[in-house]
Amino acid sequence: HSVLQQAGRNPTQKTVDKYWTSQTTTLNFDDFCTILREEKPATKSELLEVFGKMDPDQTGYILHDELYKILTMRGDKMSWDEVSSITEQADFNCSGKLDYRKFCELYMETSEQCCMAAREKLEVDSRLRQQQFGSQAETCSEGIVLPVSKPSPRLPRKTD
């Protein structure tokens, strides 16, 4: 779940269960890439459309109480504390109302920053692994560094 979030997705438990069943023990990188292709991140227009359905007069605001009801009673139900943390961060001094247009902008910026941070971390980790791998050498018991032997080329067999 958290790996998908780092990749800019926000899957529901139902979505996670679709890919990680009781028979699943591991997912390889190709499986993960397939999931990312199938589960697209939310776009700003999609978010605005959903919020717009909760705002029939198109004021650009939703009452916090209405948001509490929706997020704690429908779909993947959130706790009151989780919803409170959202409304505290996204109130924008609207006294009990959520300016959902600003919230969508904040959400998209935060999502983009998380993806960039995750990419940077992957690149740094990859470079560190390459440096460590490239500098590895086998040391014999006397402390003499020996070159790492290369595996012999695989000989083709008739059964291949």
Protein backbone atom coordinates (compact mmCIF):
# COMPACT_ATOMS: atom_id res chain seq x y z
CA HIS A 1 0.00 0.00 0.00
CA SER A 2 2.69 2.50 1.00
CA VAL A 3 4.81 1.64 -2.06
CA LEU A 4 1.85 2.49 -4.31
CA GLN A 5 1.41 5.75 -2.41
CA GLN A 6 5.09 6.58 -2.98
CA ALA A 7 4.41 6.03 -6.68
CA GLY A 8 1.68 8.69 -6.62
CA ARG A 9 -1.31 6.36 -6.23
CA ASN A 10 -3.77 6.32 -3.38
CA PRO A 11 -5.32 2.87 -3.57
CA THR A 12 -8.29 1.76 -1.50
CA GLN A 13 -8.03 -1.46 0.48
CA LYS A 14 -10.30 -3.04 -2.15
CA THR A 15 -7.78 -2.10 -4.86
CA VAL A 16 -4.87 -3.53 -2.86
CA ASP A 17 -6.84 -6.74 -2.23
CA LYS A 18 -7.41 -7.09 -5.98
CA TYR A 19 -3.64 -7.48 -6.54
CA TRP A 20 -2.56 -9.00 -3.22
CA THR A 21 -4.78 -12.02 -2.71
CA SER A 22 -4.47 -14.77 -0.10
CA GLN A 23 -2.39 -16.75 -2.64
CA THR A 24 0.05 -13.89 -3.26
CA THR A 25 3.38 -14.20 -1.50
CA THR A 26 5.51 -11.77 -3.52
CA LEU A 27 5.24 -9.30 -6.38
CA ASN A 28 8.15 -8.72 -8.73
CA PHE A 29 9.00 -5.37 -10.30
CA ASP A 30 7.15 -6.22 -13.52
CA ASP A 31 4.00 -6.98 -11.52
CA PHE A 32 4.37 -3.64 -9.74
CA CYS A 33 4.75 -1.79 -13.06
CA THR A 34 1.60 -3.50 -14.37
CA ILE A 35 -0.31 -2.29 -11.31
CA LEU A 36 0.94 1.26 -11.87
CA ARG A 37 -0.20 1.17 -15.51
CA GLU A 38 -3.67 -0.07 -14.50
CA GLU A 39 -4.14 2.20 -11.47
CA LYS A 40 -3.73 5.73 -12.76
CA PRO A 41 -3.26 8.59 -10.30
CA ALA A 42 -6.20 10.95 -9.79
CA THR A 43 -6.13 14.07 -11.93
CA LYS A 44 -7.08 17.52 -10.72
CA SER A 45 -10.15 17.60 -12.97
CA GLU A 46 -11.34 14.23 -11.58
CA LEU A 47 -10.96 15.49 -8.02
CA LEU A 48 -12.79 18.72 -8.80
CA GLU A 49 -15.59 16.75 -10.44
CA VAL A 50 -16.06 14.59 -7.32
CA PHE A 51 -16.03 17.62 -5.01
CA GLY A 52 -18.41 19.41 -7.38
CA LYS A 53 -20.99 16.65 -6.83
CA MET A 54 -20.91 17.48 -3.12
CA ASP A 55 -21.34 21.18 -3.89
CA PRO A 56 -24.54 21.49 -5.95
CA ASP A 57 -24.47 25.32 -5.83
CA GLN A 58 -20.84 25.33 -7.06
CA THR A 59 -19.68 27.66 -4.28
CA GLY A 60 -16.21 26.08 -4.21
CA TYR A 61 -16.64 25.09 -0.55
CA ILE A 62 -17.79 22.05 1.37
CA LEU A 63 -18.71 22.19 5.04
CA HIS A 64 -16.34 20.21 7.23
CA ASP A 65 -19.36 18.44 8.75
CA GLU A 66 -20.41 17.23 5.28
CA LEU A 67 -16.88 16.04 4.56
CA TYR A 68 -16.81 14.18 7.91
CA LYS A 69 -20.04 12.37 7.03
CA ILE A 70 -18.83 11.36 3.59
CA LEU A 71 -15.33 10.22 4.59
CA THR A 72 -16.36 8.36 7.75
CA MET A 73 -19.47 6.64 6.40
CA ARG A 74 -18.76 5.72 2.75
CA GLY A 75 -16.26 3.61 0.85
CA ASP A 76 -13.00 3.00 2.75
CA LYS A 77 -14.22 4.65 5.92
CA MET A 78 -11.75 6.99 7.59
CA SER A 79 -11.57 7.69 11.31
CA TRP A 80 -12.62 11.04 12.76
CA ASP A 81 -8.95 11.71 13.60
CA GLU A 82 -7.88 11.12 9.99
CA VAL A 83 -10.53 13.50 8.67
CA SER A 84 -9.60 16.06 11.34
CA SER A 85 -5.97 16.02 10.20
CA ILE A 86 -7.13 16.75 6.64
CA THR A 87 -9.42 19.60 7.64
CA GLU A 88 -6.79 21.12 9.94
CA GLN A 89 -4.24 21.19 7.12
CA ALA A 90 -6.65 22.29 4.40
CA ASP A 91 -9.01 24.76 6.09
CA PHE A 92 -7.29 27.84 4.59
CA ASN A 93 -9.06 30.04 7.19
CA CYS A 94 -12.51 29.30 5.74
CA SER A 95 -14.09 28.87 9.21
CA GLY A 96 -15.49 25.37 9.06
CA LYS A 97 -15.51 25.05 5.29
CA LEU A 98 -13.09 23.34 2.93
CA ASP A 99 -12.03 25.35 -0.12
CA TYR A 100 -11.83 22.26 -2.28
CA ARG A 101 -10.23 24.03 -5.25
CA LYS A 102 -7.26 25.03 -3.09
CA PHE A 103 -7.30 21.59 -1.50
CA CYS A 104 -7.05 19.94 -4.95
CA GLU A 105 -4.11 22.19 -5.85
CA LEU A 106 -2.40 21.31 -2.57
CA TYR A 107 -3.10 17.61 -3.11
CA MET A 108 -1.63 17.65 -6.63
CA GLU A 109 1.47 19.60 -5.51
CA THR A 110 2.03 17.26 -2.56
CA SER A 111 1.56 14.18 -4.75
CA GLU A 112 4.06 15.53 -7.29
CA GLN A 113 6.59 16.33 -4.55
CA CYS A 114 6.23 12.81 -3.10
CA CYS A 115 6.81 11.27 -6.53
CA MET A 116 9.89 13.45 -7.10
CA ALA A 117 11.28 12.57 -3.66
CA ALA A 118 10.68 8.87 -4.29
CA ARG A 119 12.41 9.08 -7.71
CA GLU A 120 15.39 10.90 -6.21
CA LYS A 121 15.68 8.29 -3.45
CA LEU A 122 15.56 5.48 -6.00
CA GLU A 123 18.26 7.15 -8.07
CA VAL A 124 20.50 7.69 -5.03
CA ASP A 125 19.93 4.11 -3.82
CA SER A 126 20.65 2.79 -7.31
CA ARG A 127 23.90 4.78 -7.57
CA LEU A 128 24.99 3.59 -4.11
CA ARG A 129 24.29 -0.04 -5.03
CA GLN A 130 26.23 0.35 -8.28
CA GLN A 131 29.19 1.91 -6.43
CA GLN A 132 29.18 -0.84 -3.81
CA PHE A 133 28.83 -3.56 -6.42
CA GLY A 134 31.55 -2.08 -8.60
CA SER A 135 34.03 -1.81 -5.73
CA GLN A 136 33.50 -5.31 -4.35
CA ALA A 137 36.44 -7.65 -4.46
CA GLU A 138 37.12 -10.95 -2.80
CA THR A 139 39.79 -10.98 -0.12
CA CYS A 140 41.63 -14.20 0.72
CA SER A 141 42.65 -15.10 4.28
CA GLU A 142 46.05 -13.38 3.95
CA GLY A 143 44.38 -10.04 3.14
CA ILE A 144 45.38 -10.06 -0.54
CA VAL A 145 42.71 -8.64 -2.82
CA LEU A 146 41.82 -10.97 -5.64
CA PRO A 147 39.80 -9.93 -8.68
CA VAL A 148 36.23 -11.18 -8.68
CA SER A 149 36.05 -14.07 -11.08
CA LYS A 150 33.66 -13.78 -13.99
CA PRO A 151 31.19 -16.58 -14.51
CA SER A 152 32.01 -18.80 -17.45
CA PRO A 153 29.80 -18.31 -20.49
CA ARG A 154 26.86 -20.66 -20.65
CA LEU A 155 27.34 -23.37 -23.22
CA PRO A 156 24.24 -23.99 -25.34
CA ARG A 157 22.79 -27.44 -25.03
CA LYS A 158 20.58 -29.27 -27.46
CA THR A 159 17.77 -29.35 -24.90
CA ASP A 160 17.54 -25.54 -24.72
